C-alpha atoms as a PDB file:
ATOM      1  CA  MET A   1      13.375  -1.240  -5.804  1.00  0.00           C
ATOM      2  CA  LYS A   2      15.083  -2.911  -8.782  1.00  0.00           C
ATOM      3  CA  ASN A   3      12.101  -4.820 -10.053  1.00  0.00           C
ATOM      4  CA  SER A   4       9.352  -3.341 -12.162  1.00  0.00           C
ATOM      5  CA  GLN A   5       6.137  -3.465 -10.117  1.00  0.00           C
ATOM      6  CA  VAL A   6       2.456  -2.908 -10.550  1.00  0.00           C
ATOM      7  CA  ILE A   7       1.259  -1.292  -7.385  1.00  0.00           C
ATOM      8  CA  THR A   8      -2.424  -0.864  -6.580  1.00  0.00           C
ATOM      9  CA  LYS A   9      -4.132   0.374  -3.439  1.00  0.00           C
ATOM     10  CA  GLY A  10      -6.850  -2.123  -2.540  1.00  0.00           C
ATOM     11  CA  ASP A  11      -9.748  -1.965  -0.131  1.00  0.00           C
ATOM     12  CA  LEU A  12      -9.054  -1.853   3.618  1.00  0.00           C
ATOM     13  CA  GLY A  13      -5.973   0.327   3.121  1.00  0.00           C
ATOM     14  CA  ILE A  14      -3.887  -2.508   1.650  1.00  0.00           C
ATOM     15  CA  GLU A  15      -1.247  -1.955  -1.018  1.00  0.00           C
ATOM     16  CA  TRP A  16      -0.712  -4.767  -3.479  1.00  0.00           C
ATOM     17  CA  ARG A  17       2.728  -5.122  -4.994  1.00  0.00           C
ATOM     18  CA  ASN A  18       3.518  -7.517  -7.808  1.00  0.00           C
ATOM     19  CA  SER A  19       7.141  -7.976  -8.897  1.00  0.00           C
ATOM     20  CA  GLU A  20       7.630  -8.977 -12.541  1.00  0.00           C
ATOM     21  CA  SER A  21      11.087 -10.514 -12.172  1.00  0.00           C
ATOM     22  CA  PRO A  22      12.604 -12.701  -9.417  1.00  0.00           C
ATOM     23  CA  VAL A  23      13.495 -10.793  -6.221  1.00  0.00           C
ATOM     24  CA  ASP A  24      16.700 -11.544  -4.346  1.00  0.00           C
ATOM     25  CA  TYR A  25      15.963 -12.833  -0.882  1.00  0.00           C
ATOM     26  CA  PRO A  26      18.008 -10.269   1.027  1.00  0.00           C
ATOM     27  CA  GLU A  27      16.228  -7.537  -0.869  1.00  0.00           C
ATOM     28  CA  ALA A  28      12.871  -8.952   0.170  1.00  0.00           C
ATOM     29  CA  LEU A  29      13.939  -9.131   3.826  1.00  0.00           C
ATOM     30  CA  ASP A  30      15.138  -5.562   3.741  1.00  0.00           C
ATOM     31  CA  PHE A  31      11.871  -4.335   2.269  1.00  0.00           C
ATOM     32  CA  MET A  32       9.724  -6.244   4.800  1.00  0.00           C
ATOM     33  CA  ASP A  33      11.841  -5.054   7.727  1.00  0.00           C
ATOM     34  CA  GLN A  34      11.363  -1.444   6.598  1.00  0.00           C
ATOM     35  CA  ARG A  35       7.710  -1.787   5.743  1.00  0.00           C
ATOM     36  CA  VAL A  36       6.832  -3.438   9.082  1.00  0.00           C
ATOM     37  CA  GLY A  37       8.275  -0.404  10.890  1.00  0.00           C
ATOM     38  CA  GLU A  38       6.313   1.966   8.633  1.00  0.00           C
ATOM     39  CA  ILE A  39       3.118   0.094   9.163  1.00  0.00           C
ATOM     40  CA  PHE A  40       3.632   0.231  12.946  1.00  0.00           C
ATOM     41  CA  THR A  41       4.146   4.030  12.829  1.00  0.00           C
ATOM     42  CA  ARG A  42       1.253   4.397  10.365  1.00  0.00           C
ATOM     43  CA  THR A  43       3.469   5.972   7.704  1.00  0.00           C
ATOM     44  CA  ALA A  44       2.815   3.339   5.039  1.00  0.00           C
ATOM     45  CA  PRO A  45      -0.163   1.094   4.190  1.00  0.00           C
ATOM     46  CA  GLN A  46      -0.520  -2.557   5.006  1.00  0.00           C
ATOM     47  CA  THR A  47       1.001  -4.533   2.157  1.00  0.00           C
ATOM     48  CA  VAL A  48       0.674  -7.792   0.263  1.00  0.00           C
ATOM     49  CA  TRP A  49       3.660  -8.438  -2.021  1.00  0.00           C
ATOM     50  CA  LEU A  50       3.381 -11.106  -4.727  1.00  0.00           C
ATOM     51  CA  LEU A  51       6.727 -12.282  -6.116  1.00  0.00           C
ATOM     52  CA  GLU A  52       9.050 -15.113  -7.112  1.00  0.00           C
ATOM     53  CA  HIS A  53      12.564 -15.729  -5.849  1.00  0.00           C
ATOM     54  CA  PRO A  54      15.533 -17.251  -7.655  1.00  0.00           C
ATOM     55  CA  SER A  55      16.178 -20.820  -6.513  1.00  0.00           C
ATOM     56  CA  LEU A  56      17.205 -20.842  -2.863  1.00  0.00           C
ATOM     57  CA  TYR A  57      16.610 -22.472   0.532  1.00  0.00           C
ATOM     58  CA  THR A  58      15.477 -20.641   3.646  1.00  0.00           C
ATOM     59  CA  ALA A  59      15.914 -21.712   7.230  1.00  0.00           C
ATOM     60  CA  GLY A  60      13.280 -20.791   9.815  1.00  0.00           C
ATOM     61  CA  THR A  61      13.881 -20.453  13.523  1.00  0.00           C
ATOM     62  CA  SER A  62      13.177 -24.136  14.145  1.00  0.00           C
ATOM     63  CA  ALA A  63      15.363 -25.479  11.284  1.00  0.00           C
ATOM     64  CA  ASP A  64      17.413 -28.647  12.007  1.00  0.00           C
ATOM     65  CA  SER A  65      20.733 -28.568  10.113  1.00  0.00           C
ATOM     66  CA  SER A  66      20.333 -32.277   9.378  1.00  0.00           C
ATOM     67  CA  ASP A  67      17.330 -31.438   7.167  1.00  0.00           C
ATOM     68  CA  LEU A  68      19.550 -29.495   4.782  1.00  0.00           C
ATOM     69  CA  LEU A  69      20.491 -32.468   2.635  1.00  0.00           C
ATOM     70  CA  GLU A  70      22.355 -30.652  -0.125  1.00  0.00           C
ATOM     71  CA  PRO A  71      23.833 -27.456   1.360  1.00  0.00           C
ATOM     72  CA  ASP A  72      25.768 -26.597  -1.813  1.00  0.00           C
ATOM     73  CA  ARG A  73      22.824 -26.946  -4.204  1.00  0.00           C
ATOM     74  CA  PHE A  74      21.409 -23.425  -3.801  1.00  0.00           C
ATOM     75  CA  PRO A  75      22.108 -20.435  -1.574  1.00  0.00           C
ATOM     76  CA  VAL A  76      20.789 -20.826   1.959  1.00  0.00           C
ATOM     77  CA  PHE A  77      19.391 -17.921   3.949  1.00  0.00           C
ATOM     78  CA  ASN A  78      18.292 -17.529   7.546  1.00  0.00           C
ATOM     79  CA  ALA A  79      14.740 -16.313   7.211  1.00  0.00           C
ATOM     80  CA  GLY A  80      13.939 -15.074  10.685  1.00  0.00           C
ATOM     81  CA  ARG A  81      10.402 -16.510  10.398  1.00  0.00           C
ATOM     82  CA  GLY A  82       8.956 -19.448  12.221  1.00  0.00           C
ATOM     83  CA  GLY A  83       9.254 -22.942  10.745  1.00  0.00           C
ATOM     84  CA  GLN A  84      12.042 -25.045   9.269  1.00  0.00           C
ATOM     85  CA  TYR A  85      13.602 -25.357   5.813  1.00  0.00           C
ATOM     86  CA  THR A  86      11.725 -24.303   2.716  1.00  0.00           C
ATOM     87  CA  TYR A  87      12.567 -23.990  -0.982  1.00  0.00           C
ATOM     88  CA  HIS A  88      11.706 -20.972  -3.089  1.00  0.00           C
ATOM     89  CA  GLY A  89      12.229 -20.615  -6.816  1.00  0.00           C
ATOM     90  CA  PRO A  90      10.779 -19.755 -10.209  1.00  0.00           C
ATOM     91  CA  GLY A  91       7.281 -21.056 -10.739  1.00  0.00           C
ATOM     92  CA  GLN A  92       6.321 -20.648  -7.119  1.00  0.00           C
ATOM     93  CA  ARG A  93       4.170 -17.719  -6.057  1.00  0.00           C
ATOM     94  CA  VAL A  94       5.329 -16.196  -2.785  1.00  0.00           C
ATOM     95  CA  ALA A  95       2.970 -13.786  -0.991  1.00  0.00           C
ATOM     96  CA  TYR A  96       4.458 -11.735   1.764  1.00  0.00           C
ATOM     97  CA  VAL A  97       1.731 -10.429   4.050  1.00  0.00           C
ATOM     98  CA  MET A  98       2.381  -7.305   6.139  1.00  0.00           C
ATOM     99  CA  LEU A  99      -0.765  -6.599   8.142  1.00  0.00           C
ATOM    100  CA  ASP A 100      -1.422  -4.613  11.293  1.00  0.00           C
ATOM    101  CA  LEU A 101      -2.830  -7.308  13.568  1.00  0.00           C
ATOM    102  CA  ASN A 102      -4.178  -4.633  15.892  1.00  0.00           C
ATOM    103  CA  LEU A 103      -6.946  -4.478  13.260  1.00  0.00           C
ATOM    104  CA  TYR A 104      -7.525  -8.227  13.470  1.00  0.00           C
ATOM    105  CA  ASN A 105      -8.020  -8.789  17.241  1.00  0.00           C
ATOM    106  CA  LYS A 106      -4.257  -9.239  17.832  1.00  0.00           C
ATOM    107  CA  ASP A 107      -4.719 -12.986  17.448  1.00  0.00           C
ATOM    108  CA  VAL A 108      -1.681 -14.704  15.922  1.00  0.00           C
ATOM    109  CA  ARG A 109      -3.258 -18.178  15.841  1.00  0.00           C
ATOM    110  CA  LYS A 110      -6.286 -16.796  14.031  1.00  0.00           C
ATOM    111  CA  PHE A 111      -3.955 -15.014  11.629  1.00  0.00           C
ATOM    112  CA  VAL A 112      -2.178 -18.264  10.775  1.00  0.00           C
ATOM    113  CA  PHE A 113      -5.566 -19.999  10.427  1.00  0.00           C
ATOM    114  CA  ASN A 114      -6.606 -17.261   8.016  1.00  0.00           C
ATOM    115  CA  LEU A 115      -3.461 -17.659   5.931  1.00  0.00           C
ATOM    116  CA  GLU A 116      -4.319 -21.320   5.552  1.00  0.00           C
ATOM    117  CA  GLU A 117      -7.894 -20.480   4.717  1.00  0.00           C
ATOM    118  CA  TRP A 118      -6.681 -18.017   2.153  1.00  0.00           C
ATOM    119  CA  VAL A 119      -4.665 -20.713   0.355  1.00  0.00           C
ATOM    120  CA  ILE A 120      -7.532 -23.231   0.599  1.00  0.00           C
ATOM    121  CA  ARG A 121      -9.994 -20.760  -0.946  1.00  0.00           C
ATOM    122  CA  THR A 122      -7.525 -19.784  -3.632  1.00  0.00           C
ATOM    123  CA  LEU A 123      -7.019 -23.403  -4.634  1.00  0.00           C
ATOM    124  CA  ALA A 124     -10.793 -23.989  -4.544  1.00  0.00           C
ATOM    125  CA  LYS A 125     -11.182 -21.451  -7.374  1.00  0.00           C
ATOM    126  CA  PHE A 126      -9.333 -23.974  -9.542  1.00  0.00           C
ATOM    127  CA  ASN A 127     -11.435 -26.912  -8.156  1.00  0.00           C
ATOM    128  CA  ILE A 128      -8.481 -28.136  -6.069  1.00  0.00           C
ATOM    129  CA  ARG A 129      -9.243 -29.286  -2.558  1.00  0.00           C
ATOM    130  CA  GLY A 130      -6.445 -28.122  -0.213  1.00  0.00           C
ATOM    131  CA  GLU A 131      -6.543 -29.378   3.323  1.00  0.00           C
ATOM    132  CA  ARG A 132      -4.962 -28.773   6.734  1.00  0.00           C
ATOM    133  CA  ARG A 133      -3.271 -31.622   8.600  1.00  0.00           C
ATOM    134  CA  GLU A 134      -2.898 -31.786  12.345  1.00  0.00           C
ATOM    135  CA  GLY A 135       0.776 -31.527  13.254  1.00  0.00           C
ATOM    136  CA  ARG A 136       1.862 -30.647   9.708  1.00  0.00           C
ATOM    137  CA  VAL A 137       2.406 -27.085   8.581  1.00  0.00           C
ATOM    138  CA  GLY A 138       1.126 -26.018   5.203  1.00  0.00           C
ATOM    139  CA  ILE A 139      -1.659 -27.051   2.882  1.00  0.00           C
ATOM    140  CA  TRP A 140      -1.925 -30.591   1.607  1.00  0.00           C
ATOM    141  CA  ILE A 141      -3.477 -32.480  -1.358  1.00  0.00           C
ATOM    142  CA  ASP A 142      -4.894 -35.977  -0.945  1.00  0.00           C
ATOM    143  CA  ARG A 143      -3.646 -37.883  -4.010  1.00  0.00           C
ATOM    144  CA  GLY A 144      -5.441 -41.093  -3.055  1.00  0.00           C
ATOM    145  CA  ASN A 145      -4.167 -44.472  -1.941  1.00  0.00           C
ATOM    146  CA  GLY A 146      -2.680 -42.932   1.175  1.00  0.00           C
ATOM    147  CA  ARG A 147      -0.507 -40.453  -0.681  1.00  0.00           C
ATOM    148  CA  GLU A 148      -0.529 -36.800   0.388  1.00  0.00           C
ATOM    149  CA  ASP A 149       1.575 -34.046  -1.166  1.00  0.00           C
ATOM    150  CA  LYS A 150       2.195 -30.500   0.031  1.00  0.00           C
ATOM    151  CA  ILE A 151       1.231 -27.683  -2.315  1.00  0.00           C
ATOM    152  CA  ALA A 152       1.721 -24.656  -0.111  1.00  0.00           C
ATOM    153  CA  ALA A 153       3.981 -23.568   2.733  1.00  0.00           C
ATOM    154  CA  ILE A 154       3.297 -21.021   5.503  1.00  0.00           C
ATOM    155  CA  GLY A 155       5.832 -19.218   7.695  1.00  0.00           C
ATOM    156  CA  VAL A 156       5.249 -16.005   9.588  1.00  0.00           C
ATOM    157  CA  ARG A 157       6.817 -13.562  11.962  1.00  0.00           C
ATOM    158  CA  VAL A 158       5.146 -10.805  14.005  1.00  0.00           C
ATOM    159  CA  ARG A 159       6.831  -7.680  15.290  1.00  0.00           C
ATOM    160  CA  LYS A 160       4.932  -5.137  17.372  1.00  0.00           C
ATOM    161  CA  TRP A 161       1.742  -6.795  16.177  1.00  0.00           C
ATOM    162  CA  VAL A 162       2.652  -6.315  12.515  1.00  0.00           C
ATOM    163  CA  SER A 163       3.012  -9.526  10.421  1.00  0.00           C
ATOM    164  CA  PHE A 164       5.558 -10.325   7.750  1.00  0.00           C
ATOM    165  CA  HIS A 165       6.674 -13.309   5.660  1.00  0.00           C
ATOM    166  CA  GLY A 166       3.605 -15.303   4.641  1.00  0.00           C
ATOM    167  CA  ILE A 167       2.782 -18.072   2.162  1.00  0.00           C
ATOM    168  CA  SER A 168       4.076 -19.823  -0.940  1.00  0.00           C
ATOM    169  CA  ILE A 169       2.015 -21.777  -3.469  1.00  0.00           C
ATOM    170  CA  ASN A 170       3.558 -24.185  -5.945  1.00  0.00           C
ATOM    171  CA  LEU A 171       2.302 -23.240  -9.409  1.00  0.00           C
ATOM    172  CA  ASP A 172       4.955 -24.900 -11.527  1.00  0.00           C
ATOM    173  CA  PRO A 173       8.321 -24.943  -9.768  1.00  0.00           C
ATOM    174  CA  GLU A 174      10.970 -27.632 -10.461  1.00  0.00           C
ATOM    175  CA  LEU A 175       9.791 -30.170  -7.891  1.00  0.00           C
ATOM    176  CA  SER A 176      13.145 -31.956  -7.860  1.00  0.00           C
ATOM    177  CA  HIS A 177      14.635 -28.876  -6.189  1.00  0.00           C
ATOM    178  CA  PHE A 178      12.791 -29.741  -3.003  1.00  0.00           C
ATOM    179  CA  GLN A 179      14.955 -32.858  -2.722  1.00  0.00           C
ATOM    180  CA  GLY A 180      17.850 -30.808  -1.309  1.00  0.00           C
ATOM    181  CA  ILE A 181      15.966 -30.381   1.940  1.00  0.00           C
ATOM    182  CA  VAL A 182      13.463 -32.074   4.167  1.00  0.00           C
ATOM    183  CA  PRO A 183      10.685 -29.562   3.576  1.00  0.00           C
ATOM    184  CA  CYS A 184       9.420 -28.244   6.917  1.00  0.00           C
ATOM    185  CA  GLY A 185      11.029 -31.278   8.598  1.00  0.00           C
ATOM    186  CA  ILE A 186       8.535 -33.704   6.996  1.00  0.00           C
ATOM    187  CA  ASN A 187      10.149 -36.459   4.916  1.00  0.00           C
ATOM    188  CA  GLU A 188       7.350 -39.024   4.667  1.00  0.00           C
ATOM    189  CA  HIS A 189       5.300 -37.009   2.176  1.00  0.00           C
ATOM    190  CA  GLY A 190       5.967 -35.373  -1.154  1.00  0.00           C
ATOM    191  CA  VAL A 191       5.330 -32.018  -2.847  1.00  0.00           C
ATOM    192  CA  THR A 192       3.107 -31.114  -5.710  1.00  0.00           C
ATOM    193  CA  SER A 193       2.024 -28.131  -7.781  1.00  0.00           C
ATOM    194  CA  LEU A 194      -1.002 -26.917  -9.712  1.00  0.00           C
ATOM    195  CA  VAL A 195       0.623 -27.967 -13.003  1.00  0.00           C
ATOM    196  CA  ASP A 196       1.681 -31.310 -11.482  1.00  0.00           C
ATOM    197  CA  LEU A 197      -2.011 -31.835 -10.682  1.00  0.00           C
ATOM    198  CA  GLY A 198      -2.821 -31.317 -14.356  1.00  0.00           C
ATOM    199  CA  LEU A 199      -4.042 -27.688 -14.336  1.00  0.00           C
ATOM    200  CA  CYS A 200      -3.106 -25.195 -17.007  1.00  0.00           C
ATOM    201  CA  VAL A 201      -2.897 -22.102 -14.816  1.00  0.00           C
ATOM    202  CA  SER A 202      -0.832 -18.968 -15.372  1.00  0.00           C
ATOM    203  CA  MET A 203       0.732 -16.905 -12.617  1.00  0.00           C
ATOM    204  CA  GLU A 204      -1.638 -14.076 -13.571  1.00  0.00           C
ATOM    205  CA  ASP A 205      -4.595 -16.521 -13.039  1.00  0.00           C
ATOM    206  CA  LEU A 206      -3.226 -17.409  -9.611  1.00  0.00           C
ATOM    207  CA  ASP A 207      -2.719 -13.805  -8.635  1.00  0.00           C
ATOM    208  CA  VAL A 208      -6.335 -12.954  -9.510  1.00  0.00           C
ATOM    209  CA  ALA A 209      -7.546 -15.857  -7.376  1.00  0.00           C
ATOM    210  CA  LEU A 210      -5.291 -14.868  -4.511  1.00  0.00           C
ATOM    211  CA  LYS A 211      -6.627 -11.299  -4.425  1.00  0.00           C
ATOM    212  CA  GLU A 212     -10.216 -12.379  -4.616  1.00  0.00           C
ATOM    213  CA  ALA A 213      -9.816 -14.957  -1.844  1.00  0.00           C
ATOM    214  CA  PHE A 214      -7.864 -12.579   0.377  1.00  0.00           C
ATOM    215  CA  TYR A 215     -10.793 -10.213   0.766  1.00  0.00           C
ATOM    216  CA  GLU A 216     -13.067 -13.167   1.536  1.00  0.00           C
ATOM    217  CA  VAL A 217     -10.910 -14.131   4.481  1.00  0.00           C
ATOM    218  CA  PHE A 218      -9.226 -11.063   5.919  1.00  0.00           C
ATOM    219  CA  VAL A 219     -11.898  -8.860   7.388  1.00  0.00           C
ATOM    220  CA  PRO A 220     -10.615  -6.372   9.958  1.00  0.00           C
ATOM    221  CA  THR A 221     -12.412  -5.834  13.241  1.00  0.00           C
ATOM    222  CA  LEU A 222     -11.239  -2.211  13.429  1.00  0.00           C
ATOM    223  CA  SER A 223     -10.834   0.420  10.714  1.00  0.00           C
ATOM    224  CA  SER A 224      -7.355   1.520   9.601  1.00  0.00           C
ATOM    225  CA  SER A 225      -6.279   5.158   9.712  1.00  0.00           C
ATOM    226  CA  VAL A 226      -3.500   4.496   7.154  1.00  0.00           C
END
């Protein structure tokens, strides 16, 4: 792959990848597509890939074209995952999660719940209270006085019981870039980031917290032979 990466093999047969420079979206899709097949055939380990993308919009399988407010602002890609429109760009940590759900009771709803819990526990390590909201995808921050802002997005796909796509957490992206879409079809709330909330957090700090929280949440029910 073009990007310099630090690759470590974690517990539970999971390979952690960390790209040091922004990854083009088609490159990420190609890698996930290949890795999902390899995980299914047990020829490669389960993988969590931490990266950033250049500024772009992605359309999930439920995207409404009317929610793309500025189609010429950034490149737009069909993601193939569930959900609607999202923005990705520098300052946002994307975590693509390729797990064999045969090892996790083959429960997609539980998997999505665990992705949410992973984000919530990661934010808690910085004393940020992230919350779920009924009928709203992602993780939300209560700003007080009735204001709620989204800090993390979730969108997944599962093929042959192997997951791909995953989560994104706003560390310090340019928040105005979200104005080119209706994020996840929700226009009555805003977006925020760790830096917008007043935290001085580096991407390295966030990555450490993500890895710690991951192993608190994702506990397989079966052992992996990979």
